[in-house]
Amino acid sequence: MSSTVIHSLPRRRRLLLAGAAALGLGAPVVRAAAPSQLRIGFQKSAVNLVVLKQQGALERRLAGSKVHWVEFPAGPQLLEALSVGALEFGLTGDSPPVFAQAAGKDLLYVGAEPAKPLSSAILVRPEAPLRNLADLKGRRIALQKGSSAHYLLVRAVDQARLQWSEIVPVYLPPSDARAAWERGSVDAWAIWDPYYAATELDARPRVLATGQGLSGNNSFYLASRPFVENQPETLQLLFDELTRADAYVQGSRKEAAQLISDFSGLSLATVHLFLSRRPRSPVGPLNGAIVADQQRVADAFARLGLIPRAVKVAEIVWSPTRVARAG
């Protein structure tokens, strides 16, 4: 297709074509044996998955497979769907898999992205008297139970040398938490991007703390056991395409931000802000350091009695050479 023809197309179509070219989608590809269907759970923060969805990359690579995209407000809801067989694959933060494993859900860690400590924060209103983490004592703090924000708050309370019993957690999904925070029903709010970025631009909160020095805010790809056992080639294809999507985001920031904004309804300013806090995020199997970091997350929740039993993260970590069996 000539450049003249491309520039005559609508802007959205031009962006999709440019993205396909950047991802190498115009070249012949080796197609994996496709599953009959692939149901993927994602959130607005799942940049690589959103780019794949918008550009149709998986539909091209998995000819004959019906790819379904299901959006969730947070990781706990996504993993519940995965555990009951409503999804094959999805992305969450660090805490949801720990809660799922402790509850006996049968799922596997299959991949990870690098840490994003700046992408989550504890926010207070501009006029609030809270100035440091110790000021959280006795305060009502909104958060999604079992989310990455949950672990951030656990670490913040520990850093302030407080007991978990000395704060009042108020468990709310992100949209309800923001409403409660704005009307003053809670004193602080632990949240992640892009909700964090949108609130930062709209309400000019004070940031009491980010994940820096507290939580790596790792992102994990999880899958159902039947999918992992029966579709290892498709799993590798997913890693390849997710890494290609990340390269597109890094190299074509303006175009990628437009795709994400078109999908999510978030303003371009919000998208650019949360992308600015996101490092390069290629995708691959978990390494030992990531597993050890995730075990620290699990141990922290177990120590506080926030999960029903202690878990060994490594027992449900998949590697390309084996499928881990649940303990």
C-alpha atoms as a PDB file:
ATOM      1  CA  MET A   1       0.000   0.000   0.000  1.00  0.00           C
ATOM      2  CA  SER A   2       1.464   3.370  -1.004  1.00  0.00           C
ATOM      3  CA  SER A   3       2.047   6.187   1.477  1.00  0.00           C
ATOM      4  CA  THR A   4      -0.452   8.290  -0.483  1.00  0.00           C
ATOM      5  CA  VAL A   5      -3.195   5.734   0.057  1.00  0.00           C
ATOM      6  CA  ILE A   6      -2.327   5.290   3.742  1.00  0.00           C
ATOM      7  CA  HIS A   7      -2.493   9.024   4.435  1.00  0.00           C
ATOM      8  CA  SER A   8      -5.936   9.170   2.803  1.00  0.00           C
ATOM      9  CA  LEU A   9      -7.306   6.713   5.367  1.00  0.00           C
ATOM     10  CA  PRO A  10      -8.970   7.801   8.637  1.00  0.00           C
ATOM     11  CA  ARG A  11      -6.556   8.477  11.466  1.00  0.00           C
ATOM     12  CA  ARG A  12      -7.567   5.388  13.467  1.00  0.00           C
ATOM     13  CA  ARG A  13      -7.004   3.106  10.443  1.00  0.00           C
ATOM     14  CA  ARG A  14      -3.598   4.692   9.762  1.00  0.00           C
ATOM     15  CA  LEU A  15      -2.569   4.052  13.386  1.00  0.00           C
ATOM     16  CA  LEU A  16      -3.573   0.416  13.159  1.00  0.00           C
ATOM     17  CA  LEU A  17      -1.622  -0.072   9.927  1.00  0.00           C
ATOM     18  CA  ALA A  18       1.438   1.667  11.365  1.00  0.00           C
ATOM     19  CA  GLY A  19       1.274  -0.498  14.456  1.00  0.00           C
ATOM     20  CA  ALA A  20       0.956  -3.660  12.415  1.00  0.00           C
ATOM     21  CA  ALA A  21       4.018  -2.706  10.416  1.00  0.00           C
ATOM     22  CA  ALA A  22       6.004  -1.949  13.588  1.00  0.00           C
ATOM     23  CA  LEU A  23       5.088  -5.357  14.970  1.00  0.00           C
ATOM     24  CA  GLY A  24       6.160  -7.116  11.790  1.00  0.00           C
ATOM     25  CA  LEU A  25       2.604  -8.182  11.009  1.00  0.00           C
ATOM     26  CA  GLY A  26       2.992  -7.547   7.303  1.00  0.00           C
ATOM     27  CA  ALA A  27       5.610 -10.276   6.980  1.00  0.00           C
ATOM     28  CA  PRO A  28       4.908 -14.026   6.649  1.00  0.00           C
ATOM     29  CA  VAL A  29       4.669 -15.709  10.036  1.00  0.00           C
ATOM     30  CA  VAL A  30       4.835 -19.255  11.316  1.00  0.00           C
ATOM     31  CA  ARG A  31       1.422 -19.972  12.788  1.00  0.00           C
ATOM     32  CA  ALA A  32       1.122 -21.930  16.016  1.00  0.00           C
ATOM     33  CA  ALA A  33      -1.435 -24.699  16.331  1.00  0.00           C
ATOM     34  CA  ALA A  34      -4.344 -22.580  17.461  1.00  0.00           C
ATOM     35  CA  PRO A  35      -6.747 -23.464  20.264  1.00  0.00           C
ATOM     36  CA  SER A  36     -10.420 -23.403  19.332  1.00  0.00           C
ATOM     37  CA  GLN A  37     -10.805 -20.330  21.524  1.00  0.00           C
ATOM     38  CA  LEU A  38      -8.581 -18.067  23.588  1.00  0.00           C
ATOM     39  CA  ARG A  39     -10.260 -15.964  26.284  1.00  0.00           C
ATOM     40  CA  ILE A  40      -8.003 -13.255  27.647  1.00  0.00           C
ATOM     41  CA  GLY A  41      -8.665 -11.232  30.780  1.00  0.00           C
ATOM     42  CA  PHE A  42      -7.153  -7.780  31.045  1.00  0.00           C
ATOM     43  CA  GLN A  43      -7.398  -4.406  32.763  1.00  0.00           C
ATOM     44  CA  LYS A  44      -6.877  -0.869  31.489  1.00  0.00           C
ATOM     45  CA  SER A  45      -3.376  -0.985  32.958  1.00  0.00           C
ATOM     46  CA  ALA A  46      -2.450  -4.012  30.807  1.00  0.00           C
ATOM     47  CA  VAL A  47      -0.651  -1.958  28.164  1.00  0.00           C
ATOM     48  CA  ASN A  48       0.793  -4.825  26.131  1.00  0.00           C
ATOM     49  CA  LEU A  49      -2.528  -6.669  26.011  1.00  0.00           C
ATOM     50  CA  VAL A  50      -4.464  -3.527  25.105  1.00  0.00           C
ATOM     51  CA  VAL A  51      -2.100  -2.862  22.186  1.00  0.00           C
ATOM     52  CA  LEU A  52      -2.484  -6.457  20.966  1.00  0.00           C
ATOM     53  CA  LYS A  53      -6.251  -6.162  21.182  1.00  0.00           C
ATOM     54  CA  GLN A  54      -6.396  -2.892  19.326  1.00  0.00           C
ATOM     55  CA  GLN A  55      -4.085  -4.054  16.543  1.00  0.00           C
ATOM     56  CA  GLY A  56      -5.573  -7.507  16.086  1.00  0.00           C
ATOM     57  CA  ALA A  57      -2.152  -9.164  16.292  1.00  0.00           C
ATOM     58  CA  LEU A  58      -3.322 -12.389  17.927  1.00  0.00           C
ATOM     59  CA  GLU A  59      -6.234 -12.797  15.560  1.00  0.00           C
ATOM     60  CA  ARG A  60      -3.728 -12.698  12.701  1.00  0.00           C
ATOM     61  CA  ARG A  61      -1.328 -15.156  14.306  1.00  0.00           C
ATOM     62  CA  LEU A  62      -3.969 -17.574  15.577  1.00  0.00           C
ATOM     63  CA  ALA A  63      -5.961 -18.198  12.436  1.00  0.00           C
ATOM     64  CA  GLY A  64      -8.932 -20.409  13.207  1.00  0.00           C
ATOM     65  CA  SER A  65      -9.021 -19.509  16.888  1.00  0.00           C
ATOM     66  CA  LYS A  66     -11.728 -17.297  18.365  1.00  0.00           C
ATOM     67  CA  VAL A  67      -9.978 -14.693  20.523  1.00  0.00           C
ATOM     68  CA  HIS A  68     -12.218 -13.144  23.179  1.00  0.00           C
ATOM     69  CA  TRP A  69     -11.144 -10.114  25.240  1.00  0.00           C
ATOM     70  CA  VAL A  70     -12.733  -9.625  28.664  1.00  0.00           C
ATOM     71  CA  GLU A  71     -12.047  -6.468  30.688  1.00  0.00           C
ATOM     72  CA  PHE A  72     -11.978  -6.469  34.508  1.00  0.00           C
ATOM     73  CA  PRO A  73     -11.716  -3.586  37.014  1.00  0.00           C
ATOM     74  CA  ALA A  74      -8.993  -5.361  39.037  1.00  0.00           C
ATOM     75  CA  GLY A  75      -6.972  -8.546  39.342  1.00  0.00           C
ATOM     76  CA  PRO A  76      -9.045 -10.434  41.965  1.00  0.00           C
ATOM     77  CA  GLN A  77     -12.116 -10.454  39.722  1.00  0.00           C
ATOM     78  CA  LEU A  78      -9.995 -11.538  36.747  1.00  0.00           C
ATOM     79  CA  LEU A  79      -8.433 -14.473  38.585  1.00  0.00           C
ATOM     80  CA  GLU A  80     -11.802 -15.633  39.858  1.00  0.00           C
ATOM     81  CA  ALA A  81     -12.930 -15.896  36.231  1.00  0.00           C
ATOM     82  CA  LEU A  82      -9.722 -17.715  35.319  1.00  0.00           C
ATOM     83  CA  SER A  83     -10.103 -20.198  38.162  1.00  0.00           C
ATOM     84  CA  VAL A  84     -13.652 -21.204  37.176  1.00  0.00           C
ATOM     85  CA  GLY A  85     -12.755 -21.832  33.549  1.00  0.00           C
ATOM     86  CA  ALA A  86     -14.107 -18.608  32.050  1.00  0.00           C
ATOM     87  CA  LEU A  87     -10.642 -17.509  30.815  1.00  0.00           C
ATOM     88  CA  GLU A  88      -7.447 -19.139  29.590  1.00  0.00           C
ATOM     89  CA  PHE A  89      -4.995 -16.281  30.151  1.00  0.00           C
ATOM     90  CA  GLY A  90      -4.778 -12.939  31.945  1.00  0.00           C
ATOM     91  CA  LEU A  91      -2.616 -10.283  33.596  1.00  0.00           C
ATOM     92  CA  THR A  92      -2.694  -9.095  37.214  1.00  0.00           C
ATOM     93  CA  GLY A  93      -0.505  -7.413  39.785  1.00  0.00           C
ATOM     94  CA  ASP A  94       1.400  -9.172  42.559  1.00  0.00           C
ATOM     95  CA  SER A  95      -1.252  -9.734  45.239  1.00  0.00           C
ATOM     96  CA  PRO A  96      -4.185 -11.359  43.379  1.00  0.00           C
ATOM     97  CA  PRO A  97      -2.316 -14.608  42.584  1.00  0.00           C
ATOM     98  CA  VAL A  98      -1.326 -14.963  46.243  1.00  0.00           C
ATOM     99  CA  PHE A  99      -4.950 -14.693  47.387  1.00  0.00           C
ATOM    100  CA  ALA A 100      -6.033 -17.087  44.614  1.00  0.00           C
ATOM    101  CA  GLN A 101      -3.403 -19.688  45.533  1.00  0.00           C
ATOM    102  CA  ALA A 102      -4.248 -19.437  49.228  1.00  0.00           C
ATOM    103  CA  ALA A 103      -7.900 -20.058  48.354  1.00  0.00           C
ATOM    104  CA  GLY A 104      -6.960 -23.217  46.451  1.00  0.00           C
ATOM    105  CA  LYS A 105      -7.597 -21.866  42.948  1.00  0.00           C
ATOM    106  CA  ASP A 106      -6.001 -23.995  40.224  1.00  0.00           C
ATOM    107  CA  LEU A 107      -3.981 -21.632  38.048  1.00  0.00           C
ATOM    108  CA  LEU A 108      -0.352 -21.138  37.047  1.00  0.00           C
ATOM    109  CA  TYR A 109       2.072 -18.228  36.884  1.00  0.00           C
ATOM    110  CA  VAL A 110       3.397 -18.355  33.328  1.00  0.00           C
ATOM    111  CA  GLY A 111       5.043 -14.986  32.665  1.00  0.00           C
ATOM    112  CA  ALA A 112       6.084 -11.676  34.159  1.00  0.00           C
ATOM    113  CA  GLU A 113       6.932  -8.093  33.301  1.00  0.00           C
ATOM    114  CA  PRO A 114       9.619  -5.993  35.047  1.00  0.00           C
ATOM    115  CA  ALA A 115       8.788  -4.172  38.273  1.00  0.00           C
ATOM    116  CA  LYS A 116       6.886  -0.870  38.116  1.00  0.00           C
ATOM    117  CA  PRO A 117       7.265   0.667  41.584  1.00  0.00           C
ATOM    118  CA  LEU A 118       6.289   4.181  40.476  1.00  0.00           C
ATOM    119  CA  SER A 119       2.969   3.031  39.034  1.00  0.00           C
ATOM    120  CA  SER A 120       1.141   2.736  42.347  1.00  0.00           C
ATOM    121  CA  ALA A 121       0.687   5.185  45.205  1.00  0.00           C
ATOM    122  CA  ILE A 122      -1.087   6.096  48.422  1.00  0.00           C
ATOM    123  CA  LEU A 123      -2.993   9.318  47.829  1.00  0.00           C
ATOM    124  CA  VAL A 124      -4.459  11.900  50.195  1.00  0.00           C
ATOM    125  CA  ARG A 125      -6.529  14.953  49.380  1.00  0.00           C
ATOM    126  CA  PRO A 126      -4.595  18.222  48.984  1.00  0.00           C
ATOM    127  CA  GLU A 127      -5.977  19.686  52.210  1.00  0.00           C
ATOM    128  CA  ALA A 128      -5.543  16.505  54.287  1.00  0.00           C
ATOM    129  CA  PRO A 129      -3.457  16.780  57.483  1.00  0.00           C
ATOM    130  CA  LEU A 130      -1.611  13.516  56.768  1.00  0.00           C
ATOM    131  CA  ARG A 131       2.043  14.234  55.962  1.00  0.00           C
ATOM    132  CA  ASN A 132       3.828  10.911  56.331  1.00  0.00           C
ATOM    133  CA  LEU A 133       3.095   7.202  56.572  1.00  0.00           C
ATOM    134  CA  ALA A 134       2.955   7.276  60.383  1.00  0.00           C
ATOM    135  CA  ASP A 135      -0.044   9.602  60.058  1.00  0.00           C
ATOM    136  CA  LEU A 136      -2.051   6.658  58.667  1.00  0.00           C
ATOM    137  CA  LYS A 137      -2.584   5.468  62.236  1.00  0.00           C
ATOM    138  CA  GLY A 138      -6.293   5.270  62.963  1.00  0.00           C
ATOM    139  CA  ARG A 139      -7.196   6.396  59.446  1.00  0.00           C
ATOM    140  CA  ARG A 140      -9.655   4.924  56.945  1.00  0.00           C
ATOM    141  CA  ILE A 141      -7.834   3.835  53.796  1.00  0.00           C
ATOM    142  CA  ALA A 142      -9.609   2.723  50.626  1.00  0.00           C
ATOM    143  CA  LEU A 143      -8.195  -0.118  48.531  1.00  0.00           C
ATOM    144  CA  GLN A 144      -9.219  -3.068  46.414  1.00  0.00           C
ATOM    145  CA  LYS A 145      -8.884  -6.163  48.597  1.00  0.00           C
ATOM    146  CA  GLY A 146      -6.327  -8.631  47.234  1.00  0.00           C
ATOM    147  CA  SER A 147      -4.926  -6.167  44.688  1.00  0.00           C
ATOM    148  CA  SER A 148      -1.396  -4.867  44.248  1.00  0.00           C
ATOM    149  CA  ALA A 149      -2.498  -1.827  46.268  1.00  0.00           C
ATOM    150  CA  HIS A 150      -3.172  -4.174  49.179  1.00  0.00           C
ATOM    151  CA  TYR A 151       0.479  -5.202  49.342  1.00  0.00           C
ATOM    152  CA  LEU A 152       1.611  -1.597  48.895  1.00  0.00           C
ATOM    153  CA  LEU A 153      -0.446  -0.645  51.947  1.00  0.00           C
ATOM    154  CA  VAL A 154       0.874  -3.620  53.940  1.00  0.00           C
ATOM    155  CA  ARG A 155       4.425  -2.454  53.218  1.00  0.00           C
ATOM    156  CA  ALA A 156       3.597   1.180  53.979  1.00  0.00           C
ATOM    157  CA  VAL A 157       2.130   0.266  57.373  1.00  0.00           C
ATOM    158  CA  ASP A 158       5.200  -1.816  58.134  1.00  0.00           C
ATOM    159  CA  GLN A 159       7.517   0.996  57.062  1.00  0.00           C
ATOM    160  CA  ALA A 160       5.688   3.363  59.420  1.00  0.00           C
ATOM    161  CA  ARG A 161       6.205   0.870  62.291  1.00  0.00           C
ATOM    162  CA  LEU A 162       2.471   0.521  62.718  1.00  0.00           C
ATOM    163  CA  GLN A 163       0.394  -2.613  63.216  1.00  0.00           C
ATOM    164  CA  TRP A 164      -2.161  -3.575  60.572  1.00  0.00           C
ATOM    165  CA  SER A 165      -4.778  -3.371  63.326  1.00  0.00           C
ATOM    166  CA  GLU A 166      -3.928   0.316  63.770  1.00  0.00           C
ATOM    167  CA  ILE A 167      -5.430   1.315  60.424  1.00  0.00           C
ATOM    168  CA  VAL A 168      -8.953   0.883  59.066  1.00  0.00           C
ATOM    169  CA  PRO A 169      -8.880  -0.714  55.592  1.00  0.00           C
ATOM    170  CA  VAL A 170     -11.999   0.034  53.541  1.00  0.00           C
ATOM    171  CA  TYR A 171     -12.275  -2.525  50.747  1.00  0.00           C
ATOM    172  CA  LEU A 172     -13.706  -0.972  47.593  1.00  0.00           C
ATOM    173  CA  PRO A 173     -13.194  -1.450  43.831  1.00  0.00           C
ATOM    174  CA  PRO A 174     -11.317   1.453  42.174  1.00  0.00           C
ATOM    175  CA  SER A 175     -14.299   3.497  40.962  1.00  0.00           C
ATOM    176  CA  ASP A 176     -16.089   3.314  44.319  1.00  0.00           C
ATOM    177  CA  ALA A 177     -12.826   3.984  46.161  1.00  0.00           C
ATOM    178  CA  ARG A 178     -12.229   7.169  44.203  1.00  0.00           C
ATOM    179  CA  ALA A 179     -15.748   8.396  44.933  1.00  0.00           C
ATOM    180  CA  ALA A 180     -15.301   7.684  48.651  1.00  0.00           C
ATOM    181  CA  TRP A 181     -11.902   9.399  48.645  1.00  0.00           C
ATOM    182  CA  GLU A 182     -13.219  12.500  46.853  1.00  0.00           C
ATOM    183  CA  ARG A 183     -16.144  12.992  49.237  1.00  0.00           C
ATOM    184  CA  GLY A 184     -13.953  12.494  52.307  1.00  0.00           C
ATOM    185  CA  SER A 185     -15.445   9.179  53.464  1.00  0.00           C
ATOM    186  CA  VAL A 186     -11.902   7.791  53.619  1.00  0.00           C
ATOM    187  CA  ASP A 187      -8.672   9.538  54.551  1.00  0.00           C
ATOM    188  CA  ALA A 188      -6.353   7.941  51.980  1.00  0.00           C
ATOM    189  CA  TRP A 189      -6.490   5.719  48.921  1.00  0.00           C
ATOM    190  CA  ALA A 190      -4.032   3.060  47.776  1.00  0.00           C
ATOM    191  CA  ILE A 191      -4.274   2.704  43.993  1.00  0.00           C
ATOM    192  CA  TRP A 192      -2.424   1.895  40.778  1.00  0.00           C
ATOM    193  CA  ASP A 193      -2.225   3.316  37.256  1.00  0.00           C
ATOM    194  CA  PRO A 194      -4.117   4.394  35.239  1.00  0.00           C
ATOM    195  CA  TYR A 195      -6.536   5.246  38.082  1.00  0.00           C
ATOM    196  CA  TYR A 196      -3.633   6.918  39.868  1.00  0.00           C
ATOM    197  CA  ALA A 197      -2.701   9.001  36.817  1.00  0.00           C
ATOM    198  CA  ALA A 198      -6.297  10.053  36.123  1.00  0.00           C
ATOM    199  CA  THR A 199      -6.787  11.169  39.734  1.00  0.00           C
ATOM    200  CA  GLU A 200      -3.431  12.949  39.743  1.00  0.00           C
ATOM    201  CA  LEU A 201      -4.503  15.089  36.790  1.00  0.00           C
ATOM    202  CA  ASP A 202      -8.114  15.616  37.888  1.00  0.00           C
ATOM    203  CA  ALA A 203      -7.810  16.155  41.629  1.00  0.00           C
ATOM    204  CA  ARG A 204      -4.154  17.115  42.258  1.00  0.00           C
ATOM    205  CA  PRO A 205      -3.767  14.829  45.293  1.00  0.00           C
ATOM    206  CA  ARG A 206      -0.728  14.687  47.501  1.00  0.00           C
ATOM    207  CA  VAL A 207       1.222  11.478  47.113  1.00  0.00           C
ATOM    208  CA  LEU A 208       2.009  10.083  50.542  1.00  0.00           C
ATOM    209  CA  ALA A 209       4.141   7.302  49.051  1.00  0.00           C
ATOM    210  CA  THR A 210       4.680   5.386  45.825  1.00  0.00           C
ATOM    211  CA  GLY A 211       5.880   1.830  45.550  1.00  0.00           C
ATOM    212  CA  GLN A 212       9.472   3.060  45.421  1.00  0.00           C
ATOM    213  CA  GLY A 213      11.267   1.362  48.291  1.00  0.00           C
ATOM    214  CA  LEU A 214       8.072  -0.430  49.330  1.00  0.00           C
ATOM    215  CA  SER A 215       6.736  -2.632  46.539  1.00  0.00           C
ATOM    216  CA  GLY A 216       8.081  -3.628  43.141  1.00  0.00           C
ATOM    217  CA  ASN A 217       4.499  -3.731  41.850  1.00  0.00           C
ATOM    218  CA  ASN A 218       5.304  -6.697  39.605  1.00  0.00           C
ATOM    219  CA  SER A 219       2.894  -7.740  36.855  1.00  0.00           C
ATOM    220  CA  PHE A 220       2.167 -11.422  36.227  1.00  0.00           C
ATOM    221  CA  TYR A 221       0.584 -13.385  33.428  1.00  0.00           C
ATOM    222  CA  LEU A 222      -1.426 -16.354  34.660  1.00  0.00           C
ATOM    223  CA  ALA A 223      -3.106 -19.168  32.796  1.00  0.00           C
ATOM    224  CA  SER A 224      -5.377 -22.121  33.386  1.00  0.00           C
ATOM    225  CA  ARG A 225      -3.654 -25.466  33.791  1.00  0.00           C
ATOM    226  CA  PRO A 226      -5.408 -27.104  30.781  1.00  0.00           C
ATOM    227  CA  PHE A 227      -4.301 -24.232  28.541  1.00  0.00           C
ATOM    228  CA  VAL A 228      -0.681 -24.486  29.682  1.00  0.00           C
ATOM    229  CA  GLU A 229      -0.606 -28.273  29.311  1.00  0.00           C
ATOM    230  CA  ASN A 230      -2.303 -28.337  25.901  1.00  0.00           C
ATOM    231  CA  GLN A 231      -1.079 -25.118  24.270  1.00  0.00           C
ATOM    232  CA  PRO A 232       2.609 -24.468  25.114  1.00  0.00           C
ATOM    233  CA  GLU A 233       3.253 -23.215  21.566  1.00  0.00           C
ATOM    234  CA  THR A 234       0.432 -20.699  21.876  1.00  0.00           C
ATOM    235  CA  LEU A 235       1.831 -19.573  25.210  1.00  0.00           C
ATOM    236  CA  GLN A 236       5.210 -18.849  23.612  1.00  0.00           C
ATOM    237  CA  LEU A 237       3.458 -17.033  20.776  1.00  0.00           C
ATOM    238  CA  LEU A 238       1.709 -14.857  23.371  1.00  0.00           C
ATOM    239  CA  PHE A 239       5.046 -13.962  24.984  1.00  0.00           C
ATOM    240  CA  ASP A 240       6.505 -13.076  21.572  1.00  0.00           C
ATOM    241  CA  GLU A 241       3.577 -10.863  20.620  1.00  0.00           C
ATOM    242  CA  LEU A 242       3.400  -9.186  24.021  1.00  0.00           C
ATOM    243  CA  THR A 243       7.099  -8.335  23.797  1.00  0.00           C
ATOM    244  CA  ARG A 244       6.597  -6.993  20.274  1.00  0.00           C
ATOM    245  CA  ALA A 245       3.730  -4.878  21.581  1.00  0.00           C
ATOM    246  CA  ASP A 246       5.986  -3.459  24.282  1.00  0.00           C
ATOM    247  CA  ALA A 247       8.624  -2.573  21.671  1.00  0.00           C
ATOM    248  CA  TYR A 248       5.916  -0.712  19.754  1.00  0.00           C
ATOM    249  CA  VAL A 249       4.892   1.208  22.884  1.00  0.00           C
ATOM    250  CA  GLN A 250       8.513   2.166  23.548  1.00  0.00           C
ATOM    251  CA  GLY A 251       9.289   3.147  19.965  1.00  0.00           C
ATOM    252  CA  SER A 252       5.967   4.729  18.937  1.00  0.00           C
ATOM    253  CA  ARG A 253       4.759   6.361  22.132  1.00  0.00           C
ATOM    254  CA  LYS A 254       2.428   8.884  20.502  1.00  0.00           C
ATOM    255  CA  GLU A 255       0.663   6.295  18.354  1.00  0.00           C
ATOM    256  CA  ALA A 256       0.486   3.761  21.186  1.00  0.00           C
ATOM    257  CA  ALA A 257      -1.007   6.345  23.544  1.00  0.00           C
ATOM    258  CA  GLN A 258      -3.685   7.119  20.960  1.00  0.00           C
ATOM    259  CA  LEU A 259      -4.587   3.425  20.628  1.00  0.00           C
ATOM    260  CA  ILE A 260      -4.865   3.054  24.404  1.00  0.00           C
ATOM    261  CA  SER A 261      -6.904   6.237  24.723  1.00  0.00           C
ATOM    262  CA  ASP A 262      -9.252   5.141  21.929  1.00  0.00           C
ATOM    263  CA  PHE A 263      -9.892   1.856  23.695  1.00  0.00           C
ATOM    264  CA  SER A 264     -10.081   2.983  27.306  1.00  0.00           C
ATOM    265  CA  GLY A 265     -11.728   6.370  27.048  1.00  0.00           C
ATOM    266  CA  LEU A 266      -8.903   7.806  29.149  1.00  0.00           C
ATOM    267  CA  SER A 267      -7.577  11.206  28.134  1.00  0.00           C
ATOM    268  CA  LEU A 268      -4.330  11.303  26.192  1.00  0.00           C
ATOM    269  CA  ALA A 269      -2.776  13.242  29.059  1.00  0.00           C
ATOM    270  CA  THR A 270      -3.667  10.440  31.476  1.00  0.00           C
ATOM    271  CA  VAL A 271      -2.286   7.769  29.149  1.00  0.00           C
ATOM    272  CA  HIS A 272       0.977   9.650  28.595  1.00  0.00           C
ATOM    273  CA  LEU A 273       1.388  10.163  32.342  1.00  0.00           C
ATOM    274  CA  PHE A 274       0.989   6.518  33.269  1.00  0.00           C
ATOM    275  CA  LEU A 275       3.120   5.370  30.330  1.00  0.00           C
ATOM    276  CA  SER A 276       5.886   7.707  31.532  1.00  0.00           C
ATOM    277  CA  ARG A 277       6.082   5.673  34.770  1.00  0.00           C
ATOM    278  CA  ARG A 278       6.162   2.351  32.955  1.00  0.00           C
ATOM    279  CA  PRO A 279       9.607   0.907  32.095  1.00  0.00           C
ATOM    280  CA  ARG A 280      10.351  -1.378  29.175  1.00  0.00           C
ATOM    281  CA  SER A 281       8.156  -4.426  29.747  1.00  0.00           C
ATOM    282  CA  PRO A 282       9.153  -7.465  27.682  1.00  0.00           C
ATOM    283  CA  VAL A 283       7.438 -10.677  28.725  1.00  0.00           C
ATOM    284  CA  GLY A 284       8.946 -14.036  29.598  1.00  0.00           C
ATOM    285  CA  PRO A 285       8.824 -16.864  32.143  1.00  0.00           C
ATOM    286  CA  LEU A 286       9.472 -16.061  35.800  1.00  0.00           C
ATOM    287  CA  ASN A 287      13.082 -16.189  36.965  1.00  0.00           C
ATOM    288  CA  GLY A 288      14.311 -17.050  40.450  1.00  0.00           C
ATOM    289  CA  ALA A 289      14.545 -13.441  41.609  1.00  0.00           C
ATOM    290  CA  ILE A 290      10.950 -12.701  40.633  1.00  0.00           C
ATOM    291  CA  VAL A 291       9.711 -15.871  42.342  1.00  0.00           C
ATOM    292  CA  ALA A 292      11.615 -14.917  45.509  1.00  0.00           C
ATOM    293  CA  ASP A 293      10.119 -11.406  45.421  1.00  0.00           C
ATOM    294  CA  GLN A 294       6.643 -12.841  44.998  1.00  0.00           C
ATOM    295  CA  GLN A 295       7.235 -15.202  47.917  1.00  0.00           C
ATOM    296  CA  ARG A 296       7.909 -12.145  50.088  1.00  0.00           C
ATOM    297  CA  VAL A 297       4.487 -10.816  49.059  1.00  0.00           C
ATOM    298  CA  ALA A 298       2.853 -14.115  50.023  1.00  0.00           C
ATOM    299  CA  ASP A 299       4.717 -14.295  53.333  1.00  0.00           C
ATOM    300  CA  ALA A 300       3.647 -10.773  54.275  1.00  0.00           C
ATOM    301  CA  PHE A 301      -0.040 -11.577  53.792  1.00  0.00           C
ATOM    302  CA  ALA A 302       0.313 -14.874  55.654  1.00  0.00           C
ATOM    303  CA  ARG A 303       2.085 -13.231  58.577  1.00  0.00           C
ATOM    304  CA  LEU A 304      -0.791 -10.795  59.010  1.00  0.00           C
ATOM    305  CA  GLY A 305      -3.442 -13.486  58.676  1.00  0.00           C
ATOM    306  CA  LEU A 306      -4.864 -11.803  55.564  1.00  0.00           C
ATOM    307  CA  ILE A 307      -4.883 -15.098  53.634  1.00  0.00           C
ATOM    308  CA  PRO A 308      -6.238 -18.394  55.022  1.00  0.00           C
ATOM    309  CA  ARG A 309      -2.936 -20.287  54.734  1.00  0.00           C
ATOM    310  CA  ALA A 310       0.706 -19.791  53.861  1.00  0.00           C
ATOM    311  CA  VAL A 311       1.634 -20.681  50.275  1.00  0.00           C
ATOM    312  CA  LYS A 312       4.748 -21.603  48.319  1.00  0.00           C
ATOM    313  CA  VAL A 313       4.675 -19.543  45.143  1.00  0.00           C
ATOM    314  CA  ALA A 314       7.125 -21.824  43.309  1.00  0.00           C
ATOM    315  CA  GLU A 315       4.613 -24.689  43.430  1.00  0.00           C
ATOM    316  CA  ILE A 316       2.426 -23.031  40.798  1.00  0.00           C
ATOM    317  CA  VAL A 317       5.135 -21.449  38.626  1.00  0.00           C
ATOM    318  CA  TRP A 318       5.347 -22.842  35.096  1.00  0.00           C
ATOM    319  CA  SER A 319       8.577 -23.020  33.158  1.00  0.00           C
ATOM    320  CA  PRO A 320       9.043 -24.000  29.484  1.00  0.00           C
ATOM    321  CA  THR A 321      10.497 -27.363  30.552  1.00  0.00           C
ATOM    322  CA  ARG A 322       7.825 -28.430  33.013  1.00  0.00           C
ATOM    323  CA  VAL A 323       4.309 -27.818  34.243  1.00  0.00           C
ATOM    324  CA  ALA A 324       4.264 -27.212  37.993  1.00  0.00           C
ATOM    325  CA  ARG A 325       1.817 -29.293  40.000  1.00  0.00           C
ATOM    326  CA  ALA A 326      -0.192 -27.675  42.767  1.00  0.00           C
ATOM    327  CA  GLY A 327       0.996 -28.572  46.256  1.00  0.00           C
END
